[in-house]
C-alpha atoms as a PDB file:
ATOM      1  CA  ASP A   1     188.319  59.775  93.127  1.00  0.00           C
ATOM      2  CA  VAL A   2     185.254  60.279  90.919  1.00  0.00           C
ATOM      3  CA  SER A   3     182.782  60.344  93.802  1.00  0.00           C
ATOM      4  CA  THR A   4     184.856  62.964  95.609  1.00  0.00           C
ATOM      5  CA  VAL A   5     184.913  65.202  92.514  1.00  0.00           C
ATOM      6  CA  LYS A   6     181.118  64.913  92.097  1.00  0.00           C
ATOM      7  CA  SER A   7     180.597  65.759  95.772  1.00  0.00           C
ATOM      8  CA  VAL A   8     182.731  68.880  95.478  1.00  0.00           C
ATOM      9  CA  GLU A   9     180.912  69.953  92.331  1.00  0.00           C
ATOM     10  CA  ALA A  10     177.545  69.426  94.052  1.00  0.00           C
ATOM     11  CA  GLU A  11     178.620  71.555  97.007  1.00  0.00           C
ATOM     12  CA  LYS A  12     179.732  74.320  94.656  1.00  0.00           C
ATOM     13  CA  SER A  13     176.404  74.057  92.865  1.00  0.00           C
ATOM     14  CA  VAL A  14     174.471  74.401  96.133  1.00  0.00           C
ATOM     15  CA  GLU A  15     176.633  77.329  97.186  1.00  0.00           C
ATOM     16  CA  GLY A  16     175.872  78.980  93.853  1.00  0.00           C
ATOM     17  CA  VAL A  17     172.177  78.565  94.391  1.00  0.00           C
ATOM     18  CA  ASP A  18     172.380  80.044  97.864  1.00  0.00           C
ATOM     19  CA  ALA A  19     174.386  83.052  96.805  1.00  0.00           C
ATOM     20  CA  ALA A  20     172.884  83.960  93.451  1.00  0.00           C
ATOM     21  CA  THR A  21     169.587  82.232  92.785  1.00  0.00           C
ATOM     22  CA  ILE A  22     168.020  83.061  96.138  1.00  0.00           C
ATOM     23  CA  GLY A  23     169.066  86.672  95.813  1.00  0.00           C
ATOM     24  CA  GLU A  24     167.659  86.920  92.300  1.00  0.00           C
ATOM     25  CA  THR A  25     164.433  85.288  93.492  1.00  0.00           C
ATOM     26  CA  LEU A  26     164.002  87.835  96.274  1.00  0.00           C
ATOM     27  CA  GLU A  27     164.565  90.703  93.825  1.00  0.00           C
ATOM     28  CA  ALA A  28     162.084  89.189  91.405  1.00  0.00           C
ATOM     29  CA  VAL A  29     159.431  88.797  94.077  1.00  0.00           C
ATOM     30  CA  ASP A  30     159.985  92.379  95.334  1.00  0.00           C
ATOM     31  CA  ILE A  31     157.872  91.961  98.457  1.00  0.00           C
ATOM     32  CA  PRO A  32     156.577  95.402  99.542  1.00  0.00           C
ATOM     33  CA  ARG A  33     157.446  96.382 103.078  1.00  0.00           C
ATOM     34  CA  GLN A  34     154.669  97.828 105.223  1.00  0.00           C
ATOM     35  CA  SER A  35     155.396 100.942 107.204  1.00  0.00           C
ATOM     36  CA  LEU A  36     154.584 100.985 110.895  1.00  0.00           C
ATOM     37  CA  LEU A  37     151.584 103.230 110.128  1.00  0.00           C
ATOM     38  CA  ASP A  38     150.309 100.722 107.544  1.00  0.00           C
ATOM     39  CA  VAL A  39     150.581  97.912 110.073  1.00  0.00           C
ATOM     40  CA  VAL A  40     148.744  99.921 112.742  1.00  0.00           C
ATOM     41  CA  MET A  41     146.004 101.010 110.327  1.00  0.00           C
ATOM     42  CA  SER A  42     145.567  97.458 109.032  1.00  0.00           C
ATOM     43  CA  ARG A  43     145.296  96.124 112.568  1.00  0.00           C
ATOM     44  CA  ALA A  44     142.787  98.837 113.463  1.00  0.00           C
ATOM     45  CA  ARG A  45     140.636  97.907 110.459  1.00  0.00           C
ATOM     46  CA  ASP A  46     140.730  94.255 111.490  1.00  0.00           C
ATOM     47  CA  LEU A  47     139.535  95.241 114.952  1.00  0.00           C
ATOM     48  CA  GLN A  48     136.951  97.632 113.449  1.00  0.00           C
ATOM     49  CA  LEU A  49     138.477 100.583 115.291  1.00  0.00           C
ATOM     50  CA  LEU A  50     138.408 102.864 112.253  1.00  0.00           C
ATOM     51  CA  GLU A  51     135.295 104.613 111.053  1.00  0.00           C
ATOM     52  CA  LYS A  52     135.094 106.699 107.908  1.00  0.00           C
ATOM     53  CA  ILE A  53     133.152 109.851 108.642  1.00  0.00           C
ATOM     54  CA  GLN A  54     131.032 111.865 106.221  1.00  0.00           C
ATOM     55  CA  ARG A  55     130.198 115.439 107.170  1.00  0.00           C
ATOM     56  CA  VAL A  56     127.470 117.501 105.517  1.00  0.00           C
ATOM     57  CA  VAL A  57     126.142 121.004 106.060  1.00  0.00           C
ATOM     58  CA  ILE A  58     122.487 121.469 105.114  1.00  0.00           C
ATOM     59  CA  ALA A  59     120.045 124.364 105.337  1.00  0.00           C
ATOM     60  CA  GLY A  60     116.361 124.827 104.728  1.00  0.00           C
ATOM     61  CA  LYS A  61     113.876 127.655 104.388  1.00  0.00           C
ATOM     62  CA  PHE A  62     110.650 127.541 106.361  1.00  0.00           C
ATOM     63  CA  LYS A  63     107.326 127.825 104.548  1.00  0.00           C
ATOM     64  CA  LYS A  64     106.118 130.438 107.026  1.00  0.00           C
ATOM     65  CA  SER A  65     108.304 133.503 107.403  1.00  0.00           C
ATOM     66  CA  GLY A  66     107.483 133.843 111.091  1.00  0.00           C
ATOM     67  CA  ASP A  67     108.277 130.200 111.868  1.00  0.00           C
ATOM     68  CA  ASN A  68     110.852 129.769 114.634  1.00  0.00           C
ATOM     69  CA  GLY A  69     111.759 126.297 113.382  1.00  0.00           C
ATOM     70  CA  GLU A  70     110.455 124.223 116.282  1.00  0.00           C
ATOM     71  CA  GLY A  71     108.469 121.920 113.984  1.00  0.00           C
ATOM     72  CA  THR A  72     111.475 121.381 111.705  1.00  0.00           C
ATOM     73  CA  ARG A  73     113.680 120.783 114.693  1.00  0.00           C
ATOM     74  CA  GLU A  74     111.383 118.049 115.960  1.00  0.00           C
ATOM     75  CA  ALA A  75     111.264 116.470 112.487  1.00  0.00           C
ATOM     76  CA  VAL A  76     115.050 116.432 112.063  1.00  0.00           C
ATOM     77  CA  ASP A  77     115.623 115.163 115.619  1.00  0.00           C
ATOM     78  CA  GLU A  78     113.123 112.358 115.076  1.00  0.00           C
ATOM     79  CA  THR A  79     114.667 111.432 111.721  1.00  0.00           C
ATOM     80  CA  VAL A  80     118.161 111.225 113.228  1.00  0.00           C
ATOM     81  CA  ARG A  81     116.879 108.981 116.029  1.00  0.00           C
ATOM     82  CA  GLN A  82     115.039 106.692 113.617  1.00  0.00           C
ATOM     83  CA  VAL A  83     117.982 106.289 111.248  1.00  0.00           C
ATOM     84  CA  GLN A  84     120.286 105.472 114.155  1.00  0.00           C
ATOM     85  CA  SER A  85     117.863 103.009 115.732  1.00  0.00           C
ATOM     86  CA  GLN A  86     117.510 101.102 112.449  1.00  0.00           C
ATOM     87  CA  ASP A  87     121.265 100.748 111.911  1.00  0.00           C
ATOM     88  CA  GLU A  88     122.419  97.174 112.462  1.00  0.00           C
ATOM     89  CA  ASP A  89     125.986  98.305 113.221  1.00  0.00           C
ATOM     90  CA  GLU A  90     124.761 100.709 115.917  1.00  0.00           C
ATOM     91  CA  GLY A  91     126.394 103.695 114.263  1.00  0.00           C
ATOM     92  CA  GLU A  92     126.024 107.216 115.578  1.00  0.00           C
ATOM     93  CA  ILE A  93     125.167 110.568 114.039  1.00  0.00           C
ATOM     94  CA  THR A  94     126.677 113.652 115.651  1.00  0.00           C
ATOM     95  CA  GLY A  95     126.247 117.311 114.807  1.00  0.00           C
ATOM     96  CA  ILE A  96     124.065 120.316 115.537  1.00  0.00           C
ATOM     97  CA  PHE A  97     120.766 121.788 114.370  1.00  0.00           C
ATOM     98  CA  PHE A  98     120.129 125.513 114.728  1.00  0.00           C
ATOM     99  CA  GLY A  99     116.686 126.951 114.106  1.00  0.00           C
ATOM    100  CA  LEU A 100     117.051 130.566 112.957  1.00  0.00           C
ATOM    101  CA  PRO A 101     114.481 133.142 111.901  1.00  0.00           C
ATOM    102  CA  GLY A 102     113.034 131.884 108.628  1.00  0.00           C
ATOM    103  CA  CYS A 103     115.509 129.033 108.138  1.00  0.00           C
ATOM    104  CA  PHE A 104     117.595 126.344 109.781  1.00  0.00           C
ATOM    105  CA  LEU A 105     121.248 125.360 109.581  1.00  0.00           C
ATOM    106  CA  CYS A 106     122.456 121.876 110.404  1.00  0.00           C
ATOM    107  CA  ILE A 107     125.690 119.911 110.346  1.00  0.00           C
ATOM    108  CA  LEU A 108     125.562 116.115 110.389  1.00  0.00           C
ATOM    109  CA  GLU A 109     128.492 113.729 110.663  1.00  0.00           C
ATOM    110  CA  GLY A 110     128.790 109.992 110.908  1.00  0.00           C
ATOM    111  CA  PRO A 111     129.153 106.836 108.786  1.00  0.00           C
ATOM    112  CA  GLN A 112     128.124 107.518 105.199  1.00  0.00           C
ATOM    113  CA  ARG A 113     125.210 105.081 105.365  1.00  0.00           C
ATOM    114  CA  LEU A 114     123.684 107.034 108.246  1.00  0.00           C
ATOM    115  CA  VAL A 115     124.304 110.528 106.878  1.00  0.00           C
ATOM    116  CA  ILE A 116     122.962 109.649 103.427  1.00  0.00           C
ATOM    117  CA  GLY A 117     120.108 107.741 105.049  1.00  0.00           C
ATOM    118  CA  THR A 118     119.151 110.816 107.072  1.00  0.00           C
ATOM    119  CA  LEU A 119     119.219 113.106 104.030  1.00  0.00           C
ATOM    120  CA  ARG A 120     117.056 110.692 102.053  1.00  0.00           C
ATOM    121  CA  ALA A 121     114.620 110.310 104.921  1.00  0.00           C
ATOM    122  CA  LEU A 122     114.236 114.087 105.254  1.00  0.00           C
ATOM    123  CA  GLN A 123     113.238 114.276 101.574  1.00  0.00           C
ATOM    124  CA  GLU A 124     110.615 111.545 101.750  1.00  0.00           C
ATOM    125  CA  PRO A 125     107.051 112.829 101.182  1.00  0.00           C
ATOM    126  CA  GLY A 126     105.866 111.419 104.506  1.00  0.00           C
ATOM    127  CA  ASN A 127     108.577 113.092 106.555  1.00  0.00           C
ATOM    128  CA  LYS A 128     107.280 115.829 108.861  1.00  0.00           C
ATOM    129  CA  ALA A 129     110.014 118.190 107.644  1.00  0.00           C
ATOM    130  CA  GLN A 130     108.358 118.314 104.224  1.00  0.00           C
ATOM    131  CA  GLY A 131     105.374 120.051 105.728  1.00  0.00           C
ATOM    132  CA  GLN A 132     107.605 122.660 107.353  1.00  0.00           C
ATOM    133  CA  LEU A 133     110.072 123.528 104.584  1.00  0.00           C
ATOM    134  CA  SER A 134     109.776 125.307 101.261  1.00  0.00           C
ATOM    135  CA  SER A 135     113.303 124.270 100.265  1.00  0.00           C
ATOM    136  CA  LEU A 136     116.173 122.103 101.476  1.00  0.00           C
ATOM    137  CA  HIS A 137     119.774 122.619 100.376  1.00  0.00           C
ATOM    138  CA  LEU A 138     123.046 120.707 100.701  1.00  0.00           C
ATOM    139  CA  PHE A 139     125.768 123.304 101.312  1.00  0.00           C
ATOM    140  CA  SER A 140     128.784 121.039 101.531  1.00  0.00           C
ATOM    141  CA  SER A 141     129.773 117.387 101.853  1.00  0.00           C
ATOM    142  CA  ILE A 142     133.042 115.754 102.889  1.00  0.00           C
ATOM    143  CA  GLN A 143     132.947 112.003 102.343  1.00  0.00           C
ATOM    144  CA  ASP A 144     136.112 111.058 104.235  1.00  0.00           C
ATOM    145  CA  ALA A 145     136.525 113.511 107.092  1.00  0.00           C
ATOM    146  CA  PRO A 146     139.536 112.871 109.360  1.00  0.00           C
ATOM    147  CA  GLY A 147     137.253 112.615 112.384  1.00  0.00           C
ATOM    148  CA  ARG A 148     134.199 113.955 114.150  1.00  0.00           C
ATOM    149  CA  SER A 149     133.921 117.534 115.341  1.00  0.00           C
ATOM    150  CA  PHE A 150     130.874 117.000 117.569  1.00  0.00           C
ATOM    151  CA  PRO A 151     130.688 114.644 120.557  1.00  0.00           C
ATOM    152  CA  CYS A 152     126.917 114.187 120.171  1.00  0.00           C
ATOM    153  CA  TYR A 153     123.874 115.364 118.246  1.00  0.00           C
ATOM    154  CA  ALA A 154     122.025 118.355 119.654  1.00  0.00           C
ATOM    155  CA  SER A 155     119.528 120.974 118.509  1.00  0.00           C
ATOM    156  CA  ARG A 156     118.590 124.457 119.605  1.00  0.00           C
ATOM    157  CA  ILE A 157     116.208 127.241 118.506  1.00  0.00           C
ATOM    158  CA  LEU A 158     117.903 130.640 118.381  1.00  0.00           C
ATOM    159  CA  GLN A 159     116.102 133.947 118.246  1.00  0.00           C
ATOM    160  CA  PHE A 160     117.797 136.926 116.608  1.00  0.00           C
ATOM    161  CA  PRO A 161     116.462 140.443 116.038  1.00  0.00           C
ATOM    162  CA  LYS A 162     114.673 140.670 112.711  1.00  0.00           C
ATOM    163  CA  ILE A 163     116.541 142.672 110.102  1.00  0.00           C
ATOM    164  CA  GLU A 164     116.081 143.381 106.448  1.00  0.00           C
ATOM    165  CA  ALA A 165     117.010 140.369 104.346  1.00  0.00           C
ATOM    166  CA  GLN A 166     120.119 140.655 102.220  1.00  0.00           C
ATOM    167  CA  VAL A 167     120.997 138.370  99.314  1.00  0.00           C
ATOM    168  CA  PRO A 168     124.758 137.831  99.035  1.00  0.00           C
ATOM    169  CA  ASP A 169     126.349 137.738  95.587  1.00  0.00           C
ATOM    170  CA  LYS A 170     127.882 134.539  94.182  1.00  0.00           C
ATOM    171  CA  GLU A 171     131.423 135.434  95.232  1.00  0.00           C
ATOM    172  CA  THR A 172     130.284 136.012  98.813  1.00  0.00           C
ATOM    173  CA  VAL A 173     128.444 132.680  98.893  1.00  0.00           C
ATOM    174  CA  VAL A 174     131.590 130.807  97.813  1.00  0.00           C
ATOM    175  CA  THR A 175     133.491 132.122 100.835  1.00  0.00           C
ATOM    176  CA  LEU A 176     130.509 132.051 103.187  1.00  0.00           C
ATOM    177  CA  ILE A 177     129.793 128.311 103.113  1.00  0.00           C
ATOM    178  CA  PRO A 178     133.293 127.132 104.143  1.00  0.00           C
ATOM    179  CA  ASP A 179     133.359 129.732 106.923  1.00  0.00           C
ATOM    180  CA  ILE A 180     130.017 128.513 108.274  1.00  0.00           C
ATOM    181  CA  SER A 181     131.215 124.912 108.254  1.00  0.00           C
ATOM    182  CA  ILE A 182     134.494 125.762 109.985  1.00  0.00           C
ATOM    183  CA  ASN A 183     132.767 127.848 112.641  1.00  0.00           C
ATOM    184  CA  LEU A 184     130.276 125.102 113.375  1.00  0.00           C
ATOM    185  CA  GLN A 185     133.090 122.575 113.707  1.00  0.00           C
ATOM    186  CA  ARG A 186     134.914 124.854 116.127  1.00  0.00           C
ATOM    187  CA  PHE A 187     131.813 125.011 118.264  1.00  0.00           C
ATOM    188  CA  GLY A 188     131.532 121.208 118.145  1.00  0.00           C
ATOM    189  CA  MET A 189     135.102 120.859 119.388  1.00  0.00           C
ATOM    190  CA  GLU A 190     134.304 123.176 122.280  1.00  0.00           C
ATOM    191  CA  LEU A 191     131.342 120.982 123.165  1.00  0.00           C
ATOM    192  CA  GLY A 192     133.666 117.984 123.192  1.00  0.00           C
ATOM    193  CA  LYS A 193     135.731 119.546 125.975  1.00  0.00           C
ATOM    194  CA  VAL A 194     132.827 119.489 128.433  1.00  0.00           C
ATOM    195  CA  SER A 195     130.049 117.076 129.334  1.00  0.00           C
ATOM    196  CA  GLY A 196     126.789 116.739 131.228  1.00  0.00           C
ATOM    197  CA  ALA A 197     125.232 119.902 132.611  1.00  0.00           C
ATOM    198  CA  GLU A 198     128.175 122.010 131.465  1.00  0.00           C
ATOM    199  CA  ARG A 199     127.637 120.922 127.866  1.00  0.00           C
ATOM    200  CA  GLU A 200     123.921 121.661 128.074  1.00  0.00           C
ATOM    201  CA  HIS A 201     124.691 125.099 129.487  1.00  0.00           C
ATOM    202  CA  LEU A 202     127.087 125.803 126.610  1.00  0.00           C
ATOM    203  CA  LEU A 203     124.407 124.802 124.113  1.00  0.00           C
ATOM    204  CA  ASP A 204     121.803 126.988 125.816  1.00  0.00           C
ATOM    205  CA  ALA A 205     124.172 129.960 125.883  1.00  0.00           C
ATOM    206  CA  VAL A 206     125.495 129.523 122.345  1.00  0.00           C
ATOM    207  CA  LYS A 207     123.992 132.752 121.012  1.00  0.00           C
ATOM    208  CA  VAL A 208     125.481 134.875 123.787  1.00  0.00           C
ATOM    209  CA  LYS A 209     128.871 133.243 124.225  1.00  0.00           C
ATOM    210  CA  HIS A 210     129.548 131.964 120.717  1.00  0.00           C
ATOM    211  CA  GLY A 211     127.621 134.215 118.383  1.00  0.00           C
ATOM    212  CA  GLU A 212     130.727 134.621 116.222  1.00  0.00           C
ATOM    213  CA  HIS A 213     130.520 130.910 115.388  1.00  0.00           C
ATOM    214  CA  LEU A 214     127.046 131.261 113.913  1.00  0.00           C
ATOM    215  CA  PRO A 215     125.917 132.704 110.601  1.00  0.00           C
ATOM    216  CA  ARG A 216     124.175 136.021 110.829  1.00  0.00           C
ATOM    217  CA  VAL A 217     120.517 136.332 109.883  1.00  0.00           C
ATOM    218  CA  GLU A 218     121.323 138.273 106.717  1.00  0.00           C
ATOM    219  CA  ASP A 219     123.576 135.404 105.578  1.00  0.00           C
END
């Protein structure tokens, strides 16, 4: 029967499509498979749970050699507050400011827009810090840090015995800057383990209890 033969041939044709054509199509498409980590990260981005952190270490020299840094501290604190308050996404800057004899050292971390915004604001002619500093330097910058080291932003003025200034050579500076950054981050992680009055006490006692985490005056 002619119709029977055609029906059998049609079935064979369909079977051929199922077995070969579909397989070839899948190979041609080569759909990439997402790992579980990719799926989790993608979902976190959709929910805005991920935040890329930039971390910078800056330092500045005071115009007056006997300056304890209180004026600069107030200027930096105010700048951080202003930049945060103007951020539509309500981002946060964390880090630490240390006023040292003749200079200050500061680590800032947060969304890039806030960190860069703070650095730009500090360099504006009308910023109060400009009247306090003779120079401002960017020691290091990490644009995509794996996370924050500090639970908040804080500032303290530290008094050390005055000693004769020493200028480190270039090789010493290369190793000095990473060490300073690492030590400051370690201190930030310690702050993150406590809160409230205990955190304030740790900040107030930083020179006594954690002097090894701070650069020396001659540095």
